PDB file of N, CA and C in Angstrom:
ATOM      1  N   MET A   1     -67.425  28.096 148.239  1.00  0.00           N
ATOM      2  CA  MET A   1     -68.222  27.061 147.587  1.00  0.00           C
ATOM      3  C   MET A   1     -68.344  27.376 146.221  1.00  0.00           C
ATOM      4  N   LYS A   2     -68.289  26.394 145.414  1.00  0.00           N
ATOM      5  CA  LYS A   2     -68.228  26.476 143.913  1.00  0.00           C
ATOM      6  C   LYS A   2     -69.562  25.940 143.373  1.00  0.00           C
ATOM      7  N   ASN A   3     -69.956  26.672 142.346  1.00  0.00           N
ATOM      8  CA  ASN A   3     -71.272  26.367 141.938  1.00  0.00           C
ATOM      9  C   ASN A   3     -71.071  25.208 140.736  1.00  0.00           C
ATOM     10  N   ASN A   4     -72.015  24.132 140.846  1.00  0.00           N
ATOM     11  CA  ASN A   4     -72.078  23.156 139.762  1.00  0.00           C
ATOM     12  C   ASN A   4     -72.612  23.596 138.562  1.00  0.00           C
ATOM     13  N   PRO A   5     -71.812  23.587 137.615  1.00  0.00           N
ATOM     14  CA  PRO A   5     -72.510  24.080 136.068  1.00  0.00           C
ATOM     15  C   PRO A   5     -73.666  23.174 135.691  1.00  0.00           C
ATOM     16  N   VAL A   6     -73.801  22.003 136.306  1.00  0.00           N
ATOM     17  CA  VAL A   6     -74.690  21.087 135.860  1.00  0.00           C
ATOM     18  C   VAL A   6     -76.182  21.391 136.265  1.00  0.00           C
ATOM     19  N   VAL A   7     -76.222  22.100 137.471  1.00  0.00           N
ATOM     20  CA  VAL A   7     -77.503  22.215 138.085  1.00  0.00           C
ATOM     21  C   VAL A   7     -78.484  23.204 137.212  1.00  0.00           C
ATOM     22  N   PRO A   8     -78.330  24.032 136.407  1.00  0.00           N
ATOM     23  CA  PRO A   8     -79.071  24.683 135.757  1.00  0.00           C
ATOM     24  C   PRO A   8     -79.730  23.668 134.802  1.00  0.00           C
ATOM     25  N   TYR A   9     -79.051  22.910 134.187  1.00  0.00           N
ATOM     26  CA  TYR A   9     -79.472  21.815 133.149  1.00  0.00           C
ATOM     27  C   TYR A   9     -80.434  20.790 133.990  1.00  0.00           C
ATOM     28  N   ILE A  10     -80.122  20.389 135.164  1.00  0.00           N
ATOM     29  CA  ILE A  10     -81.005  19.454 135.835  1.00  0.00           C
ATOM     30  C   ILE A  10     -82.370  20.137 136.226  1.00  0.00           C
ATOM     31  N   LEU A  11     -82.270  21.533 136.503  1.00  0.00           N
ATOM     32  CA  LEU A  11     -83.475  22.174 136.783  1.00  0.00           C
ATOM     33  C   LEU A  11     -84.372  22.377 135.517  1.00  0.00           C
ATOM     34  N   ILE A  12     -83.839  22.658 134.466  1.00  0.00           N
ATOM     35  CA  ILE A  12     -84.591  22.697 133.225  1.00  0.00           C
ATOM     36  C   ILE A  12     -85.233  21.312 132.733  1.00  0.00           C
ATOM     37  N   LEU A  13     -84.362  20.248 132.926  1.00  0.00           N
ATOM     38  CA  LEU A  13     -84.989  18.984 132.715  1.00  0.00           C
ATOM     39  C   LEU A  13     -85.952  18.543 133.628  1.00  0.00           C
ATOM     40  N   ALA A  14     -85.958  18.832 134.726  1.00  0.00           N
ATOM     41  CA  ALA A  14     -86.892  18.741 135.701  1.00  0.00           C
ATOM     42  C   ALA A  14     -88.302  19.601 135.332  1.00  0.00           C
ATOM     43  N   PHE A  15     -88.058  20.707 135.019  1.00  0.00           N
ATOM     44  CA  PHE A  15     -89.206  21.743 134.719  1.00  0.00           C
ATOM     45  C   PHE A  15     -89.946  21.025 133.305  1.00  0.00           C
ATOM     46  N   GLY A  16     -89.227  20.666 132.443  1.00  0.00           N
ATOM     47  CA  GLY A  16     -89.600  20.120 131.213  1.00  0.00           C
ATOM     48  C   GLY A  16     -90.542  18.962 131.350  1.00  0.00           C
ATOM     49  N   ILE A  17     -89.988  17.906 132.373  1.00  0.00           N
ATOM     50  CA  ILE A  17     -90.924  16.712 132.548  1.00  0.00           C
ATOM     51  C   ILE A  17     -92.034  17.086 133.212  1.00  0.00           C
ATOM     52  N   GLY A  18     -91.897  18.025 134.180  1.00  0.00           N
ATOM     53  CA  GLY A  18     -93.147  18.347 134.854  1.00  0.00           C
ATOM     54  C   GLY A  18     -94.253  18.951 133.916  1.00  0.00           C
ATOM     55  N   LEU A  19     -93.553  19.849 132.943  1.00  0.00           N
ATOM     56  CA  LEU A  19     -94.519  20.280 132.160  1.00  0.00           C
ATOM     57  C   LEU A  19     -95.167  19.600 131.031  1.00  0.00           C
ATOM     58  N   ILE A  20     -94.451  18.334 130.604  1.00  0.00           N
ATOM     59  CA  ILE A  20     -95.071  17.365 129.790  1.00  0.00           C
ATOM     60  C   ILE A  20     -96.139  16.586 130.573  1.00  0.00           C
ATOM     61  N   PHE A  21     -95.787  16.180 131.940  1.00  0.00           N
ATOM     62  CA  PHE A  21     -96.940  15.727 132.684  1.00  0.00           C
ATOM     63  C   PHE A  21     -98.162  16.372 132.809  1.00  0.00           C
ATOM     64  N   PHE A  22     -97.972  17.704 133.309  1.00  0.00           N
ATOM     65  CA  PHE A  22     -99.095  18.477 133.388  1.00  0.00           C
ATOM     66  C   PHE A  22     -99.915  18.570 132.019  1.00  0.00           C
ATOM     67  N   MET A  23     -99.363  18.747 130.819  1.00  0.00           N
ATOM     68  CA  MET A  23    -100.072  18.774 129.600  1.00  0.00           C
ATOM     69  C   MET A  23    -100.617  17.531 129.255  1.00  0.00           C
ATOM     70  N   SER A  24    -100.021  16.418 129.845  1.00  0.00           N
ATOM     71  CA  SER A  24    -100.581  15.014 129.435  1.00  0.00           C
ATOM     72  C   SER A  24    -101.814  14.993 130.162  1.00  0.00           C
ATOM     73  N   VAL A  25    -101.861  15.305 131.477  1.00  0.00           N
ATOM     74  CA  VAL A  25    -103.113  15.181 132.336  1.00  0.00           C
ATOM     75  C   VAL A  25    -104.195  16.118 131.739  1.00  0.00           C
ATOM     76  N   GLN A  26    -103.752  17.316 131.440  1.00  0.00           N
ATOM     77  CA  GLN A  26    -104.629  18.332 131.026  1.00  0.00           C
ATOM     78  C   GLN A  26    -105.386  17.796 129.617  1.00  0.00           C
ATOM     79  N   GLY A  27    -104.650  17.369 128.857  1.00  0.00           N
ATOM     80  CA  GLY A  27    -105.333  16.701 127.477  1.00  0.00           C
ATOM     81  C   GLY A  27    -106.115  15.372 127.862  1.00  0.00           C
ATOM     82  N   ALA A  28    -105.774  14.561 128.767  1.00  0.00           N
ATOM     83  CA  ALA A  28    -106.697  13.493 129.229  1.00  0.00           C
ATOM     84  C   ALA A  28    -108.016  13.975 129.509  1.00  0.00           C
ATOM     85  N   ASP A  29    -107.863  15.153 130.441  1.00  0.00           N
ATOM     86  CA  ASP A  29    -109.218  15.799 130.878  1.00  0.00           C
ATOM     87  C   ASP A  29    -110.088  16.223 129.886  1.00  0.00           C
ATOM     88  N   ASN A  30    -109.456  16.948 128.927  1.00  0.00           N
ATOM     89  CA  ASN A  30    -110.022  17.396 127.654  1.00  0.00           C
ATOM     90  C   ASN A  30    -110.473  16.551 126.626  1.00  0.00           C
ATOM     91  N   LYS A  31    -110.223  15.094 126.836  1.00  0.00           N
ATOM     92  CA  LYS A  31    -110.620  14.007 125.670  1.00  0.00           C
ATOM     93  C   LYS A  31    -111.883  13.880 125.852  1.00  0.00           C
ATOM     94  N   LYS A  32    -112.676  13.924 126.908  1.00  0.00           N
ATOM     95  CA  LYS A  32    -114.081  13.677 127.077  1.00  0.00           C
ATOM     96  C   LYS A  32    -114.908  15.066 126.470  1.00  0.00           C
ATOM     97  N   GLU A  33    -114.339  16.357 126.639  1.00  0.00           N
ATOM     98  CA  GLU A  33    -115.020  17.211 126.056  1.00  0.00           C
ATOM     99  C   GLU A  33    -114.953  17.334 124.355  1.00  0.00           C
ATOM    100  N   ILE A  34    -113.854  16.740 123.983  1.00  0.00           N
ATOM    101  CA  ILE A  34    -113.531  16.758 122.561  1.00  0.00           C
ATOM    102  C   ILE A  34    -114.372  15.668 121.956  1.00  0.00           C
ATOM    103  N   ALA A  35    -114.532  14.571 122.663  1.00  0.00           N
ATOM    104  CA  ALA A  35    -115.262  13.452 122.211  1.00  0.00           C
ATOM    105  C   ALA A  35    -116.886  13.847 122.360  1.00  0.00           C
ATOM    106  N   ALA A  36    -117.270  14.656 123.192  1.00  0.00           N
ATOM    107  CA  ALA A  36    -118.585  15.131 123.251  1.00  0.00           C
ATOM    108  C   ALA A  36    -118.869  16.120 122.283  1.00  0.00           C
ATOM    109  N   GLU A  37    -117.921  16.871 121.694  1.00  0.00           N
ATOM    110  CA  GLU A  37    -118.322  17.786 120.613  1.00  0.00           C
ATOM    111  C   GLU A  37    -118.511  17.145 119.281  1.00  0.00           C
ATOM    112  N   HIS A  38    -117.586  16.005 119.168  1.00  0.00           N
ATOM    113  CA  HIS A  38    -117.835  14.965 117.954  1.00  0.00           C
ATOM    114  C   HIS A  38    -119.057  14.305 117.833  1.00  0.00           C
ATOM    115  N   GLU A  39    -119.420  13.949 119.025  1.00  0.00           N
ATOM    116  CA  GLU A  39    -120.941  13.157 119.290  1.00  0.00           C
ATOM    117  C   GLU A  39    -121.946  14.180 119.167  1.00  0.00           C
ATOM    118  N   GLY A  40    -121.878  15.271 119.170  1.00  0.00           N
ATOM    119  CA  GLY A  40    -122.899  16.386 118.974  1.00  0.00           C
ATOM    120  C   GLY A  40    -123.356  16.632 117.578  1.00  0.00           C
ATOM    121  N   GLY A  41    -122.898  15.733 116.662  1.00  0.00           N
ATOM    122  CA  GLY A  41    -123.547  15.846 115.407  1.00  0.00           C
ATOM    123  C   GLY A  41    -122.799  16.964 114.485  1.00  0.00           C
ATOM    124  N   GLU A  42    -121.466  17.144 114.624  1.00  0.00           N
ATOM    125  CA  GLU A  42    -120.734  18.319 113.946  1.00  0.00           C
ATOM    126  C   GLU A  42    -120.794  18.083 112.530  1.00  0.00           C
ATOM    127  N   THR A  43    -121.495  18.968 111.787  1.00  0.00           N
ATOM    128  CA  THR A  43    -121.698  18.827 110.354  1.00  0.00           C
ATOM    129  C   THR A  43    -120.984  20.045 109.485  1.00  0.00           C
ATOM    130  N   THR A  44    -119.708  20.308 109.707  1.00  0.00           N
ATOM    131  CA  THR A  44    -119.082  21.366 108.979  1.00  0.00           C
ATOM    132  C   THR A  44    -118.805  20.843 107.637  1.00  0.00           C
ATOM    133  N   GLU A  45    -118.853  21.831 106.709  1.00  0.00           N
ATOM    134  CA  GLU A  45    -118.733  21.561 105.206  1.00  0.00           C
ATOM    135  C   GLU A  45    -117.196  21.344 105.055  1.00  0.00           C
ATOM    136  N   VAL A  46    -116.770  20.369 104.285  1.00  0.00           N
ATOM    137  CA  VAL A  46    -115.466  20.038 104.121  1.00  0.00           C
ATOM    138  C   VAL A  46    -115.070  20.477 102.728  1.00  0.00           C
ATOM    139  N   ASP A  47    -114.085  21.423 102.600  1.00  0.00           N
ATOM    140  CA  ASP A  47    -113.732  21.960 101.250  1.00  0.00           C
ATOM    141  C   ASP A  47    -112.571  21.305 100.696  1.00  0.00           C
ATOM    142  N   ASP A  48    -111.592  21.077 101.402  1.00  0.00           N
ATOM    143  CA  ASP A  48    -110.307  20.246 100.773  1.00  0.00           C
ATOM    144  C   ASP A  48    -110.162  18.883 101.278  1.00  0.00           C
ATOM    145  N   LYS A  49    -110.760  18.194 100.336  1.00  0.00           N
ATOM    146  CA  LYS A  49    -110.843  16.805 100.694  1.00  0.00           C
ATOM    147  C   LYS A  49    -109.470  16.245 100.497  1.00  0.00           C
ATOM    148  N   SER A  50    -108.774  16.693  99.475  1.00  0.00           N
ATOM    149  CA  SER A  50    -107.270  16.007  99.452  1.00  0.00           C
ATOM    150  C   SER A  50    -106.447  16.185 100.665  1.00  0.00           C
ATOM    151  N   ALA A  51    -106.814  17.340 101.284  1.00  0.00           N
ATOM    152  CA  ALA A  51    -106.116  17.603 102.661  1.00  0.00           C
ATOM    153  C   ALA A  51    -106.394  16.458 103.696  1.00  0.00           C
ATOM    154  N   LEU A  52    -107.703  16.040 103.845  1.00  0.00           N
ATOM    155  CA  LEU A  52    -107.815  15.295 104.771  1.00  0.00           C
ATOM    156  C   LEU A  52    -107.224  13.942 104.479  1.00  0.00           C
ATOM    157  N   VAL A  53    -106.937  13.473 103.240  1.00  0.00           N
ATOM    158  CA  VAL A  53    -106.299  12.179 102.854  1.00  0.00           C
ATOM    159  C   VAL A  53    -104.869  12.203 103.215  1.00  0.00           C
ATOM    160  N   GLN A  54    -104.346  13.428 103.555  1.00  0.00           N
ATOM    161  CA  GLN A  54    -102.869  13.359 103.954  1.00  0.00           C
ATOM    162  C   GLN A  54    -102.552  12.552 105.077  1.00  0.00           C
ATOM    163  N   ALA A  55    -103.461  12.399 105.960  1.00  0.00           N
ATOM    164  CA  ALA A  55    -103.490  11.332 107.005  1.00  0.00           C
ATOM    165  C   ALA A  55    -103.376   9.897 106.762  1.00  0.00           C
ATOM    166  N   CYS A  56    -103.764   9.555 105.455  1.00  0.00           N
ATOM    167  CA  CYS A  56    -103.999   8.203 105.009  1.00  0.00           C
ATOM    168  C   CYS A  56    -102.591   7.761 104.257  1.00  0.00           C
ATOM    169  N   ILE A  57    -101.907   8.713 103.824  1.00  0.00           N
ATOM    170  CA  ILE A  57    -100.622   8.472 103.002  1.00  0.00           C
ATOM    171  C   ILE A  57     -99.564   7.495 103.758  1.00  0.00           C
ATOM    172  N   GLY A  58     -99.679   7.808 104.907  1.00  0.00           N
ATOM    173  CA  GLY A  58     -98.577   7.218 105.886  1.00  0.00           C
ATOM    174  C   GLY A  58     -98.658   5.763 105.767  1.00  0.00           C
ATOM    175  N   CYS A  59     -99.894   5.050 105.783  1.00  0.00           N
ATOM    176  CA  CYS A  59    -100.021   3.706 105.689  1.00  0.00           C
ATOM    177  C   CYS A  59    -100.541   3.277 104.309  1.00  0.00           C
ATOM    178  N   HIS A  60    -101.230   4.098 103.490  1.00  0.00           N
ATOM    179  CA  HIS A  60    -101.504   3.526 102.229  1.00  0.00           C
ATOM    180  C   HIS A  60    -100.847   3.993 101.110  1.00  0.00           C
ATOM    181  N   GLY A  61     -99.866   4.773 101.190  1.00  0.00           N
ATOM    182  CA  GLY A  61     -99.044   5.089 100.148  1.00  0.00           C
ATOM    183  C   GLY A  61     -99.339   6.605  99.651  1.00  0.00           C
ATOM    184  N   GLY A  62     -98.437   7.211  98.956  1.00  0.00           N
ATOM    185  CA  GLY A  62     -98.820   8.529  98.286  1.00  0.00           C
ATOM    186  C   GLY A  62     -99.687   8.692  97.495  1.00  0.00           C
ATOM    187  N   ASP A  63     -99.932   7.503  96.622  1.00  0.00           N
ATOM    188  CA  ASP A  63    -100.996   7.563  95.752  1.00  0.00           C
ATOM    189  C   ASP A  63    -102.287   6.757  96.114  1.00  0.00           C
ATOM    190  N   LEU A  64    -102.113   6.281  97.342  1.00  0.00           N
ATOM    191  CA  LEU A  64    -103.031   5.450  98.030  1.00  0.00           C
ATOM    192  C   LEU A  64    -103.272   4.083  97.320  1.00  0.00           C
ATOM    193  N   SER A  65    -102.150   3.588  96.603  1.00  0.00           N
ATOM    194  CA  SER A  65    -102.079   2.241  95.937  1.00  0.00           C
ATOM    195  C   SER A  65    -101.644   1.089  96.860  1.00  0.00           C
ATOM    196  N   GLY A  66    -101.457   1.625  98.313  1.00  0.00           N
ATOM    197  CA  GLY A  66    -101.050   0.369  99.220  1.00  0.00           C
ATOM    198  C   GLY A  66     -99.673   0.758  99.527  1.00  0.00           C
ATOM    199  N   ALA A  67     -99.354   0.463 100.743  1.00  0.00           N
ATOM    200  CA  ALA A  67     -97.983   0.298 101.294  1.00  0.00           C
ATOM    201  C   ALA A  67     -98.054  -0.713 102.567  1.00  0.00           C
ATOM    202  N   VAL A  68     -98.139  -0.138 103.736  1.00  0.00           N
ATOM    203  CA  VAL A  68     -98.271  -0.870 104.888  1.00  0.00           C
ATOM    204  C   VAL A  68    -100.003  -1.487 104.982  1.00  0.00           C
ATOM    205  N   GLY A  69    -100.723  -0.478 104.574  1.00  0.00           N
ATOM    206  CA  GLY A  69    -102.199  -0.733 104.560  1.00  0.00           C
ATOM    207  C   GLY A  69    -102.476  -0.995 103.043  1.00  0.00           C
ATOM    208  N   PRO A  70    -103.856  -1.426 102.765  1.00  0.00           N
ATOM    209  CA  PRO A  70    -104.180  -1.769 101.418  1.00  0.00           C
ATOM    210  C   PRO A  70    -104.379  -0.807 100.374  1.00  0.00           C
ATOM    211  N   ASP A  71    -104.421  -1.038  99.211  1.00  0.00           N
ATOM    212  CA  ASP A  71    -104.803  -0.242  98.151  1.00  0.00           C
ATOM    213  C   ASP A  71    -106.371   0.348  98.480  1.00  0.00           C
ATOM    214  N   LEU A  72    -106.387   1.578  98.295  1.00  0.00           N
ATOM    215  CA  LEU A  72    -107.825   2.281  98.522  1.00  0.00           C
ATOM    216  C   LEU A  72    -108.421   2.627  97.304  1.00  0.00           C
ATOM    217  N   ARG A  73    -107.681   2.627  96.125  1.00  0.00           N
ATOM    218  CA  ARG A  73    -108.226   3.068  95.038  1.00  0.00           C
ATOM    219  C   ARG A  73    -109.514   2.270  94.552  1.00  0.00           C
ATOM    220  N   GLY A  74    -110.445   2.626  94.051  1.00  0.00           N
ATOM    221  CA  GLY A  74    -111.486   1.992  93.441  1.00  0.00           C
ATOM    222  C   GLY A  74    -112.547   1.109  94.619  1.00  0.00           C
ATOM    223  N   LEU A  75    -112.160   1.611  95.863  1.00  0.00           N
ATOM    224  CA  LEU A  75    -112.960   1.038  96.975  1.00  0.00           C
ATOM    225  C   LEU A  75    -114.596   1.748  96.744  1.00  0.00           C
ATOM    226  N   ASP A  76    -115.455   1.156  97.329  1.00  0.00           N
ATOM    227  CA  ASP A  76    -116.917   1.782  97.615  1.00  0.00           C
ATOM    228  C   ASP A  76    -116.685   2.842  98.463  1.00  0.00           C
ATOM    229  N   ALA A  77    -117.333   4.009  98.297  1.00  0.00           N
ATOM    230  CA  ALA A  77    -117.534   5.092  99.274  1.00  0.00           C
ATOM    231  C   ALA A  77    -118.122   4.636 100.638  1.00  0.00           C
ATOM    232  N   ALA A  78    -119.215   3.756 100.632  1.00  0.00           N
ATOM    233  CA  ALA A  78    -119.936   3.431 101.583  1.00  0.00           C
ATOM    234  C   ALA A  78    -119.073   2.401 102.707  1.00  0.00           C
ATOM    235  N   HIS A  79    -118.168   1.714 101.803  1.00  0.00           N
ATOM    236  CA  HIS A  79    -117.169   0.801 102.687  1.00  0.00           C
ATOM    237  C   HIS A  79    -115.966   1.672 103.398  1.00  0.00           C
ATOM    238  N   ILE A  80    -115.491   2.658 102.814  1.00  0.00           N
ATOM    239  CA  ILE A  80    -114.640   3.591 103.197  1.00  0.00           C
ATOM    240  C   ILE A  80    -115.220   4.391 104.444  1.00  0.00           C
ATOM    241  N   GLN A  81    -116.341   4.918 104.390  1.00  0.00           N
ATOM    242  CA  GLN A  81    -116.914   5.678 105.366  1.00  0.00           C
ATOM    243  C   GLN A  81    -117.174   4.765 106.701  1.00  0.00           C
ATOM    244  N   ASP A  82    -117.506   3.440 106.399  1.00  0.00           N
ATOM    245  CA  ASP A  82    -117.930   2.557 107.407  1.00  0.00           C
ATOM    246  C   ASP A  82    -116.472   2.489 108.367  1.00  0.00           C
ATOM    247  N   VAL A  83    -115.410   2.145 107.559  1.00  0.00           N
ATOM    248  CA  VAL A  83    -114.093   1.926 108.111  1.00  0.00           C
ATOM    249  C   VAL A  83    -113.675   3.106 109.036  1.00  0.00           C
ATOM    250  N   LEU A  84    -113.968   4.377 108.341  1.00  0.00           N
ATOM    251  CA  LEU A  84    -113.674   5.588 109.197  1.00  0.00           C
ATOM    252  C   LEU A  84    -114.521   5.684 110.533  1.00  0.00           C
ATOM    253  N   LYS A  85    -115.673   5.245 110.201  1.00  0.00           N
ATOM    254  CA  LYS A  85    -116.630   5.278 111.456  1.00  0.00           C
ATOM    255  C   LYS A  85    -116.446   4.249 112.549  1.00  0.00           C
ATOM    256  N   ASN A  86    -116.292   3.023 112.074  1.00  0.00           N
ATOM    257  CA  ASN A  86    -116.259   1.818 112.993  1.00  0.00           C
ATOM    258  C   ASN A  86    -114.881   1.280 113.198  1.00  0.00           C
ATOM    259  N   GLY A  87    -113.777   1.567 112.280  1.00  0.00           N
ATOM    260  CA  GLY A  87    -112.428   1.029 112.407  1.00  0.00           C
ATOM    261  C   GLY A  87    -112.465  -0.287 112.165  1.00  0.00           C
ATOM    262  N   ILE A  88    -111.231  -0.808 112.095  1.00  0.00           N
ATOM    263  CA  ILE A  88    -110.974  -2.345 111.820  1.00  0.00           C
ATOM    264  C   ILE A  88    -110.240  -2.778 113.039  1.00  0.00           C
ATOM    265  N   GLU A  89    -110.545  -3.827 113.811  1.00  0.00           N
ATOM    266  CA  GLU A  89    -109.813  -4.287 115.007  1.00  0.00           C
ATOM    267  C   GLU A  89    -108.579  -4.858 114.532  1.00  0.00           C
ATOM    268  N   GLY A  90    -107.768  -4.502 115.535  1.00  0.00           N
ATOM    269  CA  GLY A  90    -106.395  -5.177 115.048  1.00  0.00           C
ATOM    270  C   GLY A  90    -105.454  -4.413 114.193  1.00  0.00           C
ATOM    271  N   THR A  91    -106.037  -3.379 113.980  1.00  0.00           N
ATOM    272  CA  THR A  91    -105.163  -2.296 112.798  1.00  0.00           C
ATOM    273  C   THR A  91    -105.123  -0.847 113.673  1.00  0.00           C
ATOM    274  N   PRO A  92    -104.465  -0.187 112.842  1.00  0.00           N
ATOM    275  CA  PRO A  92    -104.534   1.404 113.193  1.00  0.00           C
ATOM    276  C   PRO A  92    -105.656   2.177 113.008  1.00  0.00           C
ATOM    277  N   MET A  93    -106.596   1.426 112.303  1.00  0.00           N
ATOM    278  CA  MET A  93    -107.758   1.943 111.797  1.00  0.00           C
ATOM    279  C   MET A  93    -108.797   1.900 112.948  1.00  0.00           C
ATOM    280  N   GLN A  94    -108.803   2.952 113.904  1.00  0.00           N
ATOM    281  CA  GLN A  94    -109.423   2.864 115.214  1.00  0.00           C
ATOM    282  C   GLN A  94    -110.993   3.567 114.833  1.00  0.00           C
ATOM    283  N   PRO A  95    -111.926   3.372 115.776  1.00  0.00           N
ATOM    284  CA  PRO A  95    -113.305   3.863 115.547  1.00  0.00           C
ATOM    285  C   PRO A  95    -113.200   5.132 115.643  1.00  0.00           C
ATOM    286  N   ASN A  96    -114.078   6.209 114.909  1.00  0.00           N
ATOM    287  CA  ASN A  96    -114.261   7.402 115.217  1.00  0.00           C
ATOM    288  C   ASN A  96    -112.967   8.175 114.785  1.00  0.00           C
ATOM    289  N   MET A  97    -112.225   7.925 113.966  1.00  0.00           N
ATOM    290  CA  MET A  97    -111.045   8.588 113.456  1.00  0.00           C
ATOM    291  C   MET A  97    -111.427   9.927 112.864  1.00  0.00           C
ATOM    292  N   LYS A  98    -112.459   9.959 112.308  1.00  0.00           N
ATOM    293  CA  LYS A  98    -112.907  11.463 111.712  1.00  0.00           C
ATOM    294  C   LYS A  98    -114.407  11.466 112.019  1.00  0.00           C
ATOM    295  N   ASN A  99    -114.753  12.915 111.970  1.00  0.00           N
ATOM    296  CA  ASN A  99    -116.063  13.379 112.274  1.00  0.00           C
ATOM    297  C   ASN A  99    -116.924  12.925 111.075  1.00  0.00           C
ATOM    298  N   GLU A 100    -118.285  12.839 110.951  1.00  0.00           N
ATOM    299  CA  GLU A 100    -119.061  12.277 109.992  1.00  0.00           C
ATOM    300  C   GLU A 100    -118.855  12.996 108.769  1.00  0.00           C
ATOM    301  N   ALA A 101    -118.841  14.314 108.711  1.00  0.00           N
ATOM    302  CA  ALA A 101    -118.545  15.035 107.723  1.00  0.00           C
ATOM    303  C   ALA A 101    -117.186  14.852 106.977  1.00  0.00           C
ATOM    304  N   GLU A 102    -116.268  14.742 107.648  1.00  0.00           N
ATOM    305  CA  GLU A 102    -114.965  14.349 107.223  1.00  0.00           C
ATOM    306  C   GLU A 102    -114.858  12.930 106.590  1.00  0.00           C
ATOM    307  N   ALA A 103    -115.504  11.960 107.327  1.00  0.00           N
ATOM    308  CA  ALA A 103    -115.466  10.606 106.794  1.00  0.00           C
ATOM    309  C   ALA A 103    -116.329  10.605 105.412  1.00  0.00           C
ATOM    310  N   LYS A 104    -117.353  11.196 105.362  1.00  0.00           N
ATOM    311  CA  LYS A 104    -118.104  11.415 104.231  1.00  0.00           C
ATOM    312  C   LYS A 104    -117.112  11.996 102.855  1.00  0.00           C
ATOM    313  N   ALA A 105    -116.515  13.065 103.206  1.00  0.00           N
ATOM    314  CA  ALA A 105    -115.832  13.822 102.034  1.00  0.00           C
ATOM    315  C   ALA A 105    -114.657  12.850 101.725  1.00  0.00           C
ATOM    316  N   ILE A 106    -113.946  12.297 102.779  1.00  0.00           N
ATOM    317  CA  ILE A 106    -112.805  11.324 102.386  1.00  0.00           C
ATOM    318  C   ILE A 106    -113.304   9.986 101.516  1.00  0.00           C
ATOM    319  N   ALA A 107    -114.369   9.566 102.082  1.00  0.00           N
ATOM    320  CA  ALA A 107    -114.784   8.368 101.165  1.00  0.00           C
ATOM    321  C   ALA A 107    -115.288   8.652  99.721  1.00  0.00           C
ATOM    322  N   GLU A 108    -115.985  10.008  99.455  1.00  0.00           N
ATOM    323  CA  GLU A 108    -116.292  10.205  98.353  1.00  0.00           C
ATOM    324  C   GLU A 108    -114.980  10.598  97.425  1.00  0.00           C
ATOM    325  N   TYR A 109    -114.110  11.172  98.213  1.00  0.00           N
ATOM    326  CA  TYR A 109    -112.955  11.630  97.281  1.00  0.00           C
ATOM    327  C   TYR A 109    -112.233  10.360  97.072  1.00  0.00           C
ATOM    328  N   ILE A 110    -111.912   9.390  97.799  1.00  0.00           N
ATOM    329  CA  ILE A 110    -111.228   8.131  97.537  1.00  0.00           C
ATOM    330  C   ILE A 110    -111.863   7.376  96.567  1.00  0.00           C
ATOM    331  N   SER A 111    -113.222   7.174  96.664  1.00  0.00           N
ATOM    332  CA  SER A 111    -114.018   6.475  95.798  1.00  0.00           C
ATOM    333  C   SER A 111    -113.630   6.726  94.270  1.00  0.00           C
ATOM    334  N   THR A 112    -113.427   7.943  94.158  1.00  0.00           N
ATOM    335  CA  THR A 112    -113.357   8.538  92.713  1.00  0.00           C
ATOM    336  C   THR A 112    -112.000   8.199  91.983  1.00  0.00           C
ATOM    337  N   LEU A 113    -110.981   7.860  92.774  1.00  0.00           N
ATOM    338  CA  LEU A 113    -109.648   7.373  92.287  1.00  0.00           C
ATOM    339  C   LEU A 113    -109.494   6.157  91.608  1.00  0.00           C
ATOM    340  N   GLU A 114    -109.065   5.995  90.599  1.00  0.00           N
ATOM    341  CA  GLU A 114    -108.976   4.724  89.748  1.00  0.00           C
ATOM    342  C   GLU A 114    -107.903   4.084  89.974  1.00  0.00           C
ATOM    343  N   LYS A 115    -107.852   2.594  89.846  1.00  0.00           N
ATOM    344  CA  LYS A 115    -106.541   1.901  89.924  1.00  0.00           C
ATOM    345  C   LYS A 115    -105.653   2.138  88.745  1.00  0.00           C
TER     346      LYS A 115
END
């Protein structure tokens, strides 16, 4: 009987799909724990505000002057913090994208940028 050279690849594929499924289920279970940590009032000091803004660049452009999302420069810090906390329905800006300390640091940093 001749061995089929495709069998090892099929086994690796099946193992990979199984591993992805397991990790997805495990991550879904941990989602509640992660949310509970953020609701617990985590107030860590944020040192590198510009690093936090890296997530904004994809939609708002490299200098935050707008791309897919609007121009963020010159916006009020309270408005930015509100959006990061409550989100904007129908947009990628979902509620609770950042914890309280991160939202405050990002809002303070972006509000200092001039148009």
